[in-house]
Amino acid sequence: MRAVSSSTPSIQPKAGAKLRPAAFRLAWGKGIVLPVILILLWQLVGSFELISKTVLPAPLDILLTFRDLIVSGELFTHLGISIQRAALGFFLGAGLGLLLGLVIGFSKIAEDYLDPSLQMLRTVPHLAVTPLFILWFGFDELSKVLLIALGAFFPVYINTFSGIRGVDSKLFDVARVLEFHWLKQVTKLILPASLPNILLGIRLSLGVSWLGLVVAELMGSSAGVGYMIMDARQFSQTDKVFVGILIFAAVGKLTDSFVRILEKKCLGWRNSYQGNQK
């Protein structure tokens, strides 16, 4: 009787799990190459005064202005007010978009009555309704929050509706074979299958909320990052304008990254194409 060979291959952990931190650092390093080159060239242009500081201040000047705004506390005051406005508008608009997307996605009757009107409103630009919001609600916080909510509503609504209607009909055949009742179909089948679209809608909605915030604060405000930018423009403080723009970009990127992390947590079951690594 022969002994069982000890050369039986053992189960090894996936190499990708060990390489994830290294791969993340490599991807992050590649992503900053172009910005670093552009900033260095920009600083050289500013150092040799090839372009006026009023038109294009050097990155070092912008950094010094950023430091001064932090030390004085002005930046945190404006940023806190802007984040509060954007958050209120986002939760109001995205919440209504999710609710109506679910209702219209599950009901053909609701789609026939409500969706045509919503699609018509979706095509109206923010700047076109801004004067109406000022006339109806004045320059108070309500008009700003509602304007942000209007922009945040449609990405979530459309993607929620599309996600529900995009569920493969074959899955319902499987659900009938397994004798799923309606509630179980919704919680175990429809919502998980439509979750990628819903999270995409939330991600787009966050971006639109920041765009709506800029419009809302530029239309009339006494505080906020948008107000800080407008106030700096009047006094030709271009470096301060750049600080405001960079703040909008940084906070927008942070919120977008948060949703992407949420996608990875909630959609770990999805085996989708991640792009060519070569």
C-alpha atoms as a PDB file:
ATOM      1  CA  MET A   1       0.000   0.000   0.000  1.00  0.00           C
ATOM      2  CA  ARG A   2       1.526   3.254  -1.174  1.00  0.00           C
ATOM      3  CA  ALA A   3       1.673   6.222   1.111  1.00  0.00           C
ATOM      4  CA  VAL A   4      -0.249   9.271   0.087  1.00  0.00           C
ATOM      5  CA  SER A   5       2.074  11.745  -1.538  1.00  0.00           C
ATOM      6  CA  SER A   6       2.840  14.795   0.541  1.00  0.00           C
ATOM      7  CA  SER A   7       3.211  16.916  -2.558  1.00  0.00           C
ATOM      8  CA  THR A   8      -0.500  17.665  -2.704  1.00  0.00           C
ATOM      9  CA  PRO A   9      -0.764  21.406  -3.427  1.00  0.00           C
ATOM     10  CA  SER A  10      -2.052  23.392  -0.514  1.00  0.00           C
ATOM     11  CA  ILE A  11      -4.586  26.152  -0.858  1.00  0.00           C
ATOM     12  CA  GLN A  12      -2.783  29.467  -1.039  1.00  0.00           C
ATOM     13  CA  PRO A  13      -4.312  32.844  -0.354  1.00  0.00           C
ATOM     14  CA  LYS A  14      -5.009  35.001  -3.337  1.00  0.00           C
ATOM     15  CA  ALA A  15      -2.016  37.039  -4.379  1.00  0.00           C
ATOM     16  CA  GLY A  16      -4.233  40.042  -4.996  1.00  0.00           C
ATOM     17  CA  ALA A  17      -5.049  40.258  -1.285  1.00  0.00           C
ATOM     18  CA  LYS A  18      -1.354  40.768  -0.427  1.00  0.00           C
ATOM     19  CA  LEU A  19      -0.749  43.096  -3.336  1.00  0.00           C
ATOM     20  CA  ARG A  20      -3.669  45.378  -2.671  1.00  0.00           C
ATOM     21  CA  PRO A  21      -1.812  47.955  -0.504  1.00  0.00           C
ATOM     22  CA  ALA A  22       1.140  48.018  -2.897  1.00  0.00           C
ATOM     23  CA  ALA A  23      -1.136  48.236  -5.911  1.00  0.00           C
ATOM     24  CA  PHE A  24      -3.043  51.074  -4.251  1.00  0.00           C
ATOM     25  CA  ARG A  25       0.167  53.011  -3.585  1.00  0.00           C
ATOM     26  CA  LEU A  26       1.331  52.449  -7.151  1.00  0.00           C
ATOM     27  CA  ALA A  27      -1.982  53.631  -8.599  1.00  0.00           C
ATOM     28  CA  TRP A  28      -1.974  56.655  -6.291  1.00  0.00           C
ATOM     29  CA  GLY A  29       1.596  57.480  -7.312  1.00  0.00           C
ATOM     30  CA  LYS A  30       0.733  57.309 -10.990  1.00  0.00           C
ATOM     31  CA  GLY A  31      -2.261  59.567 -10.420  1.00  0.00           C
ATOM     32  CA  ILE A  32      -0.207  62.440  -8.986  1.00  0.00           C
ATOM     33  CA  VAL A  33       2.542  62.473 -11.633  1.00  0.00           C
ATOM     34  CA  LEU A  34       0.725  64.795 -14.034  1.00  0.00           C
ATOM     35  CA  PRO A  35      -0.538  67.229 -11.328  1.00  0.00           C
ATOM     36  CA  VAL A  36       2.987  67.505  -9.842  1.00  0.00           C
ATOM     37  CA  ILE A  37       4.489  68.298 -13.249  1.00  0.00           C
ATOM     38  CA  LEU A  38       1.844  70.931 -13.942  1.00  0.00           C
ATOM     39  CA  ILE A  39       2.304  72.539 -10.519  1.00  0.00           C
ATOM     40  CA  LEU A  40       6.082  72.721 -10.979  1.00  0.00           C
ATOM     41  CA  LEU A  41       5.692  74.353 -14.392  1.00  0.00           C
ATOM     42  CA  TRP A  42       3.084  76.702 -12.949  1.00  0.00           C
ATOM     43  CA  GLN A  43       5.458  77.708 -10.122  1.00  0.00           C
ATOM     44  CA  LEU A  44       8.260  78.372 -12.602  1.00  0.00           C
ATOM     45  CA  VAL A  45       5.986  80.610 -14.654  1.00  0.00           C
ATOM     46  CA  GLY A  46       5.027  82.518 -11.505  1.00  0.00           C
ATOM     47  CA  SER A  47       8.601  82.764 -10.189  1.00  0.00           C
ATOM     48  CA  PHE A  48       9.842  84.324 -13.416  1.00  0.00           C
ATOM     49  CA  GLU A  49       6.749  86.602 -13.492  1.00  0.00           C
ATOM     50  CA  LEU A  50       5.865  85.563 -17.028  1.00  0.00           C
ATOM     51  CA  ILE A  51       2.194  86.076 -16.108  1.00  0.00           C
ATOM     52  CA  SER A  52       0.804  88.708 -13.738  1.00  0.00           C
ATOM     53  CA  LYS A  53      -0.110  87.485 -10.248  1.00  0.00           C
ATOM     54  CA  THR A  54      -3.511  89.122 -10.652  1.00  0.00           C
ATOM     55  CA  VAL A  55      -4.192  86.833 -13.598  1.00  0.00           C
ATOM     56  CA  LEU A  56      -2.467  83.656 -12.402  1.00  0.00           C
ATOM     57  CA  PRO A  57      -0.838  83.620  -8.944  1.00  0.00           C
ATOM     58  CA  ALA A  58       1.898  81.072  -8.288  1.00  0.00           C
ATOM     59  CA  PRO A  59       1.067  77.918  -6.310  1.00  0.00           C
ATOM     60  CA  LEU A  60       3.252  79.124  -3.436  1.00  0.00           C
ATOM     61  CA  ASP A  61       1.239  82.353  -3.178  1.00  0.00           C
ATOM     62  CA  ILE A  62      -1.988  80.343  -3.146  1.00  0.00           C
ATOM     63  CA  LEU A  63      -0.565  78.111  -0.418  1.00  0.00           C
ATOM     64  CA  LEU A  64       0.369  81.124   1.713  1.00  0.00           C
ATOM     65  CA  THR A  65      -3.131  82.577   1.282  1.00  0.00           C
ATOM     66  CA  PHE A  66      -4.585  79.211   2.232  1.00  0.00           C
ATOM     67  CA  ARG A  67      -2.485  79.220   5.404  1.00  0.00           C
ATOM     68  CA  ASP A  68      -3.600  82.762   6.285  1.00  0.00           C
ATOM     69  CA  LEU A  69      -7.266  81.824   5.848  1.00  0.00           C
ATOM     70  CA  ILE A  70      -6.810  78.826   8.143  1.00  0.00           C
ATOM     71  CA  VAL A  71      -4.991  80.848  10.805  1.00  0.00           C
ATOM     72  CA  SER A  72      -7.650  83.564  10.786  1.00  0.00           C
ATOM     73  CA  GLY A  73     -10.452  80.993  10.943  1.00  0.00           C
ATOM     74  CA  GLU A  74     -12.214  82.545   7.951  1.00  0.00           C
ATOM     75  CA  LEU A  75     -11.884  79.422   5.830  1.00  0.00           C
ATOM     76  CA  PHE A  76     -13.481  77.109   8.399  1.00  0.00           C
ATOM     77  CA  THR A  77     -16.379  79.526   8.904  1.00  0.00           C
ATOM     78  CA  HIS A  78     -17.210  79.671   5.189  1.00  0.00           C
ATOM     79  CA  LEU A  79     -16.565  75.960   4.651  1.00  0.00           C
ATOM     80  CA  GLY A  80     -18.805  74.921   7.539  1.00  0.00           C
ATOM     81  CA  ILE A  81     -21.720  76.954   6.191  1.00  0.00           C
ATOM     82  CA  SER A  82     -21.227  75.580   2.666  1.00  0.00           C
ATOM     83  CA  ILE A  83     -21.075  71.968   3.871  1.00  0.00           C
ATOM     84  CA  GLN A  84     -24.245  72.470   5.895  1.00  0.00           C
ATOM     85  CA  ARG A  85     -26.098  73.865   2.878  1.00  0.00           C
ATOM     86  CA  ALA A  86     -24.854  71.151   0.552  1.00  0.00           C
ATOM     87  CA  ALA A  87     -25.716  68.386   3.044  1.00  0.00           C
ATOM     88  CA  LEU A  88     -29.256  69.651   3.639  1.00  0.00           C
ATOM     89  CA  GLY A  89     -29.903  70.051  -0.069  1.00  0.00           C
ATOM     90  CA  PHE A  90     -28.393  66.676  -0.908  1.00  0.00           C
ATOM     91  CA  PHE A  91     -30.330  64.692   1.701  1.00  0.00           C
ATOM     92  CA  LEU A  92     -33.572  66.417   0.755  1.00  0.00           C
ATOM     93  CA  GLY A  93     -33.146  65.998  -3.004  1.00  0.00           C
ATOM     94  CA  ALA A  94     -31.543  62.553  -2.962  1.00  0.00           C
ATOM     95  CA  GLY A  95     -34.076  61.270  -0.419  1.00  0.00           C
ATOM     96  CA  LEU A  96     -37.018  62.360  -2.567  1.00  0.00           C
ATOM     97  CA  GLY A  97     -35.278  61.014  -5.679  1.00  0.00           C
ATOM     98  CA  LEU A  98     -34.773  57.619  -4.052  1.00  0.00           C
ATOM     99  CA  LEU A  99     -38.376  57.500  -2.829  1.00  0.00           C
ATOM    100  CA  LEU A 100     -39.929  58.462  -6.171  1.00  0.00           C
ATOM    101  CA  GLY A 101     -37.485  56.226  -8.050  1.00  0.00           C
ATOM    102  CA  LEU A 102     -38.631  53.257  -5.998  1.00  0.00           C
ATOM    103  CA  VAL A 103     -42.330  54.102  -6.338  1.00  0.00           C
ATOM    104  CA  ILE A 104     -42.219  54.730 -10.093  1.00  0.00           C
ATOM    105  CA  GLY A 105     -39.821  51.849 -10.682  1.00  0.00           C
ATOM    106  CA  PHE A 106     -42.220  49.371  -9.057  1.00  0.00           C
ATOM    107  CA  SER A 107     -45.422  50.855 -10.496  1.00  0.00           C
ATOM    108  CA  LYS A 108     -46.209  51.163 -14.195  1.00  0.00           C
ATOM    109  CA  ILE A 109     -49.214  53.349 -13.351  1.00  0.00           C
ATOM    110  CA  ALA A 110     -47.039  55.787 -11.392  1.00  0.00           C
ATOM    111  CA  GLU A 111     -44.613  55.877 -14.300  1.00  0.00           C
ATOM    112  CA  ASP A 112     -47.350  56.816 -16.760  1.00  0.00           C
ATOM    113  CA  TYR A 113     -48.615  59.677 -14.578  1.00  0.00           C
ATOM    114  CA  LEU A 114     -45.423  61.081 -13.034  1.00  0.00           C
ATOM    115  CA  ASP A 115     -42.358  60.249 -15.138  1.00  0.00           C
ATOM    116  CA  PRO A 116     -43.173  62.471 -18.186  1.00  0.00           C
ATOM    117  CA  SER A 117     -43.472  65.570 -16.001  1.00  0.00           C
ATOM    118  CA  LEU A 118     -40.284  64.753 -14.097  1.00  0.00           C
ATOM    119  CA  GLN A 119     -38.367  64.189 -17.320  1.00  0.00           C
ATOM    120  CA  MET A 120     -39.535  67.573 -18.575  1.00  0.00           C
ATOM    121  CA  LEU A 121     -38.387  69.304 -15.366  1.00  0.00           C
ATOM    122  CA  ARG A 122     -35.043  67.509 -15.588  1.00  0.00           C
ATOM    123  CA  THR A 123     -34.129  69.406 -18.756  1.00  0.00           C
ATOM    124  CA  VAL A 124     -34.590  72.851 -17.148  1.00  0.00           C
ATOM    125  CA  PRO A 125     -31.156  74.364 -16.298  1.00  0.00           C
ATOM    126  CA  HIS A 126     -30.344  75.562 -12.779  1.00  0.00           C
ATOM    127  CA  LEU A 127     -29.694  79.107 -13.948  1.00  0.00           C
ATOM    128  CA  ALA A 128     -33.149  79.273 -15.540  1.00  0.00           C
ATOM    129  CA  VAL A 129     -34.973  78.565 -12.278  1.00  0.00           C
ATOM    130  CA  THR A 130     -32.685  80.616 -10.049  1.00  0.00           C
ATOM    131  CA  PRO A 131     -34.642  83.884 -10.587  1.00  0.00           C
ATOM    132  CA  LEU A 132     -37.872  82.070  -9.688  1.00  0.00           C
ATOM    133  CA  PHE A 133     -36.366  80.707  -6.494  1.00  0.00           C
ATOM    134  CA  ILE A 134     -35.256  84.220  -5.548  1.00  0.00           C
ATOM    135  CA  LEU A 135     -38.752  85.619  -6.215  1.00  0.00           C
ATOM    136  CA  TRP A 136     -40.505  82.792  -4.344  1.00  0.00           C
ATOM    137  CA  PHE A 137     -38.158  82.249  -1.393  1.00  0.00           C
ATOM    138  CA  GLY A 138     -35.943  85.344  -1.335  1.00  0.00           C
ATOM    139  CA  PHE A 139     -32.223  85.212  -0.532  1.00  0.00           C
ATOM    140  CA  ASP A 140     -32.658  83.165   2.644  1.00  0.00           C
ATOM    141  CA  GLU A 141     -31.251  79.707   3.298  1.00  0.00           C
ATOM    142  CA  LEU A 142     -34.430  78.016   2.071  1.00  0.00           C
ATOM    143  CA  SER A 143     -33.921  79.104  -1.536  1.00  0.00           C
ATOM    144  CA  LYS A 144     -30.306  77.874  -1.523  1.00  0.00           C
ATOM    145  CA  VAL A 145     -31.150  74.503   0.005  1.00  0.00           C
ATOM    146  CA  LEU A 146     -34.040  73.957  -2.428  1.00  0.00           C
ATOM    147  CA  LEU A 147     -31.872  74.858  -5.411  1.00  0.00           C
ATOM    148  CA  ILE A 148     -29.266  72.300  -4.310  1.00  0.00           C
ATOM    149  CA  ALA A 149     -32.010  69.726  -3.682  1.00  0.00           C
ATOM    150  CA  LEU A 150     -33.372  70.256  -7.204  1.00  0.00           C
ATOM    151  CA  GLY A 151     -30.037  69.290  -8.704  1.00  0.00           C
ATOM    152  CA  ALA A 152     -29.504  66.377  -6.316  1.00  0.00           C
ATOM    153  CA  PHE A 153     -32.930  64.903  -7.025  1.00  0.00           C
ATOM    154  CA  PHE A 154     -32.651  63.784 -10.649  1.00  0.00           C
ATOM    155  CA  PRO A 155     -29.458  61.661 -10.665  1.00  0.00           C
ATOM    156  CA  VAL A 156     -30.771  59.507  -7.818  1.00  0.00           C
ATOM    157  CA  TYR A 157     -34.282  59.309  -9.268  1.00  0.00           C
ATOM    158  CA  ILE A 158     -33.178  58.311 -12.764  1.00  0.00           C
ATOM    159  CA  ASN A 159     -30.618  55.745 -11.640  1.00  0.00           C
ATOM    160  CA  THR A 160     -32.963  54.208  -9.066  1.00  0.00           C
ATOM    161  CA  PHE A 161     -35.710  53.904 -11.659  1.00  0.00           C
ATOM    162  CA  SER A 162     -33.302  52.501 -14.269  1.00  0.00           C
ATOM    163  CA  GLY A 163     -31.793  50.087 -11.779  1.00  0.00           C
ATOM    164  CA  ILE A 164     -35.152  48.592 -10.842  1.00  0.00           C
ATOM    165  CA  ARG A 165     -36.320  48.328 -14.443  1.00  0.00           C
ATOM    166  CA  GLY A 166     -32.958  46.884 -15.487  1.00  0.00           C
ATOM    167  CA  VAL A 167     -33.238  43.782 -13.298  1.00  0.00           C
ATOM    168  CA  ASP A 168     -32.950  40.667 -15.460  1.00  0.00           C
ATOM    169  CA  SER A 169     -36.370  39.066 -15.918  1.00  0.00           C
ATOM    170  CA  LYS A 170     -34.768  35.620 -15.622  1.00  0.00           C
ATOM    171  CA  LEU A 171     -34.135  36.340 -11.957  1.00  0.00           C
ATOM    172  CA  PHE A 172     -37.878  36.603 -11.448  1.00  0.00           C
ATOM    173  CA  ASP A 173     -38.299  33.165 -12.976  1.00  0.00           C
ATOM    174  CA  VAL A 174     -35.830  31.848 -10.418  1.00  0.00           C
ATOM    175  CA  ALA A 175     -37.721  33.687  -7.656  1.00  0.00           C
ATOM    176  CA  ARG A 176     -40.984  32.028  -8.716  1.00  0.00           C
ATOM    177  CA  VAL A 177     -39.322  28.611  -8.690  1.00  0.00           C
ATOM    178  CA  LEU A 178     -38.049  29.313  -5.171  1.00  0.00           C
ATOM    179  CA  GLU A 179     -41.541  30.567  -4.232  1.00  0.00           C
ATOM    180  CA  PHE A 180     -40.377  34.017  -3.070  1.00  0.00           C
ATOM    181  CA  HIS A 181     -43.247  36.219  -1.923  1.00  0.00           C
ATOM    182  CA  TRP A 182     -43.347  39.864  -3.099  1.00  0.00           C
ATOM    183  CA  LEU A 183     -41.492  41.357  -0.132  1.00  0.00           C
ATOM    184  CA  LYS A 184     -38.731  38.771  -0.407  1.00  0.00           C
ATOM    185  CA  GLN A 185     -38.426  39.479  -4.132  1.00  0.00           C
ATOM    186  CA  VAL A 186     -37.933  43.173  -3.352  1.00  0.00           C
ATOM    187  CA  THR A 187     -35.403  42.732  -0.532  1.00  0.00           C
ATOM    188  CA  LYS A 188     -33.495  39.709  -1.854  1.00  0.00           C
ATOM    189  CA  LEU A 189     -33.696  40.266  -5.601  1.00  0.00           C
ATOM    190  CA  ILE A 190     -34.722  43.682  -6.917  1.00  0.00           C
ATOM    191  CA  LEU A 191     -32.936  46.010  -4.505  1.00  0.00           C
ATOM    192  CA  PRO A 192     -29.593  44.113  -4.483  1.00  0.00           C
ATOM    193  CA  ALA A 193     -29.637  43.926  -8.291  1.00  0.00           C
ATOM    194  CA  SER A 194     -30.412  47.639  -8.624  1.00  0.00           C
ATOM    195  CA  LEU A 195     -27.976  48.746  -5.895  1.00  0.00           C
ATOM    196  CA  PRO A 196     -25.098  49.504  -8.354  1.00  0.00           C
ATOM    197  CA  ASN A 197     -27.337  51.987 -10.190  1.00  0.00           C
ATOM    198  CA  ILE A 198     -28.585  53.535  -6.940  1.00  0.00           C
ATOM    199  CA  LEU A 199     -25.046  54.090  -5.649  1.00  0.00           C
ATOM    200  CA  LEU A 200     -24.059  55.552  -9.010  1.00  0.00           C
ATOM    201  CA  GLY A 201     -26.975  57.963  -8.710  1.00  0.00           C
ATOM    202  CA  ILE A 202     -25.851  58.974  -5.212  1.00  0.00           C
ATOM    203  CA  ARG A 203     -22.331  59.529  -6.468  1.00  0.00           C
ATOM    204  CA  LEU A 204     -23.546  61.744  -9.329  1.00  0.00           C
ATOM    205  CA  SER A 205     -25.944  63.517  -6.998  1.00  0.00           C
ATOM    206  CA  LEU A 206     -23.140  64.523  -4.642  1.00  0.00           C
ATOM    207  CA  GLY A 207     -21.267  66.112  -7.529  1.00  0.00           C
ATOM    208  CA  VAL A 208     -24.334  67.988  -8.728  1.00  0.00           C
ATOM    209  CA  SER A 209     -24.989  69.164  -5.163  1.00  0.00           C
ATOM    210  CA  TRP A 210     -21.640  70.951  -5.132  1.00  0.00           C
ATOM    211  CA  LEU A 211     -22.410  72.536  -8.501  1.00  0.00           C
ATOM    212  CA  GLY A 212     -25.776  73.655  -7.166  1.00  0.00           C
ATOM    213  CA  LEU A 213     -24.055  75.026  -4.068  1.00  0.00           C
ATOM    214  CA  VAL A 214     -21.855  77.263  -6.207  1.00  0.00           C
ATOM    215  CA  VAL A 215     -24.883  78.609  -8.082  1.00  0.00           C
ATOM    216  CA  ALA A 216     -26.813  79.072  -4.829  1.00  0.00           C
ATOM    217  CA  GLU A 217     -24.027  80.978  -3.094  1.00  0.00           C
ATOM    218  CA  LEU A 218     -23.219  83.110  -6.105  1.00  0.00           C
ATOM    219  CA  MET A 219     -26.835  84.222  -6.507  1.00  0.00           C
ATOM    220  CA  GLY A 220     -26.754  86.051  -3.204  1.00  0.00           C
ATOM    221  CA  SER A 221     -25.097  85.110   0.050  1.00  0.00           C
ATOM    222  CA  SER A 222     -23.252  86.654   2.980  1.00  0.00           C
ATOM    223  CA  ALA A 223     -21.210  83.568   3.885  1.00  0.00           C
ATOM    224  CA  GLY A 224     -19.920  80.363   2.349  1.00  0.00           C
ATOM    225  CA  VAL A 225     -17.090  79.395   0.026  1.00  0.00           C
ATOM    226  CA  GLY A 226     -18.992  80.734  -2.995  1.00  0.00           C
ATOM    227  CA  TYR A 227     -19.418  84.082  -1.256  1.00  0.00           C
ATOM    228  CA  MET A 228     -15.708  84.091  -0.381  1.00  0.00           C
ATOM    229  CA  ILE A 229     -14.880  83.595  -4.063  1.00  0.00           C
ATOM    230  CA  MET A 230     -17.197  86.407  -5.187  1.00  0.00           C
ATOM    231  CA  ASP A 231     -15.868  88.749  -2.516  1.00  0.00           C
ATOM    232  CA  ALA A 232     -12.272  88.002  -3.531  1.00  0.00           C
ATOM    233  CA  ARG A 233     -13.088  88.567  -7.208  1.00  0.00           C
ATOM    234  CA  GLN A 234     -14.369  92.067  -6.483  1.00  0.00           C
ATOM    235  CA  PHE A 235     -11.016  92.975  -4.897  1.00  0.00           C
ATOM    236  CA  SER A 236      -8.933  91.126  -7.536  1.00  0.00           C
ATOM    237  CA  GLN A 237      -7.651  88.641  -4.939  1.00  0.00           C
ATOM    238  CA  THR A 238      -7.053  85.870  -7.459  1.00  0.00           C
ATOM    239  CA  ASP A 239      -5.076  83.751  -4.998  1.00  0.00           C
ATOM    240  CA  LYS A 240      -8.106  83.677  -2.687  1.00  0.00           C
ATOM    241  CA  VAL A 241     -10.331  82.706  -5.612  1.00  0.00           C
ATOM    242  CA  PHE A 242      -8.043  79.757  -6.324  1.00  0.00           C
ATOM    243  CA  VAL A 243      -8.227  78.697  -2.669  1.00  0.00           C
ATOM    244  CA  GLY A 244     -12.031  78.593  -2.913  1.00  0.00           C
ATOM    245  CA  ILE A 245     -11.892  76.588  -6.136  1.00  0.00           C
ATOM    246  CA  LEU A 246      -9.434  74.105  -4.622  1.00  0.00           C
ATOM    247  CA  ILE A 247     -11.657  73.738  -1.546  1.00  0.00           C
ATOM    248  CA  PHE A 248     -14.633  72.865  -3.753  1.00  0.00           C
ATOM    249  CA  ALA A 249     -12.495  70.366  -5.672  1.00  0.00           C
ATOM    250  CA  ALA A 250     -11.028  68.743  -2.540  1.00  0.00           C
ATOM    251  CA  VAL A 251     -14.339  68.346  -0.691  1.00  0.00           C
ATOM    252  CA  GLY A 252     -16.018  67.086  -3.863  1.00  0.00           C
ATOM    253  CA  LYS A 253     -13.276  64.493  -4.309  1.00  0.00           C
ATOM    254  CA  LEU A 254     -13.544  63.380  -0.678  1.00  0.00           C
ATOM    255  CA  THR A 255     -17.293  62.838  -0.934  1.00  0.00           C
ATOM    256  CA  ASP A 256     -16.866  60.982  -4.228  1.00  0.00           C
ATOM    257  CA  SER A 257     -14.180  58.747  -2.694  1.00  0.00           C
ATOM    258  CA  PHE A 258     -16.473  58.014   0.248  1.00  0.00           C
ATOM    259  CA  VAL A 259     -19.196  56.738  -2.100  1.00  0.00           C
ATOM    260  CA  ARG A 260     -16.650  54.647  -4.010  1.00  0.00           C
ATOM    261  CA  ILE A 261     -15.553  53.010  -0.744  1.00  0.00           C
ATOM    262  CA  LEU A 262     -19.221  52.413   0.061  1.00  0.00           C
ATOM    263  CA  GLU A 263     -19.641  50.778  -3.347  1.00  0.00           C
ATOM    264  CA  LYS A 264     -16.781  48.384  -2.644  1.00  0.00           C
ATOM    265  CA  LYS A 265     -18.287  47.462   0.729  1.00  0.00           C
ATOM    266  CA  CYS A 266     -21.829  46.978  -0.538  1.00  0.00           C
ATOM    267  CA  LEU A 267     -20.994  45.469  -3.922  1.00  0.00           C
ATOM    268  CA  GLY A 268     -18.260  43.045  -2.919  1.00  0.00           C
ATOM    269  CA  TRP A 269     -20.278  40.241  -4.514  1.00  0.00           C
ATOM    270  CA  ARG A 270     -20.039  41.823  -7.952  1.00  0.00           C
ATOM    271  CA  ASN A 271     -17.397  40.353 -10.274  1.00  0.00           C
ATOM    272  CA  SER A 272     -17.023  43.064 -12.890  1.00  0.00           C
ATOM    273  CA  TYR A 273     -14.260  44.132 -15.255  1.00  0.00           C
ATOM    274  CA  GLN A 274     -11.690  46.333 -13.491  1.00  0.00           C
ATOM    275  CA  GLY A 275      -9.714  47.479 -16.528  1.00  0.00           C
ATOM    276  CA  ASN A 276      -6.552  46.215 -18.166  1.00  0.00           C
ATOM    277  CA  GLN A 277      -3.560  46.325 -15.800  1.00  0.00           C
ATOM    278  CA  LYS A 278      -1.003  46.300 -18.630  1.00  0.00           C
END
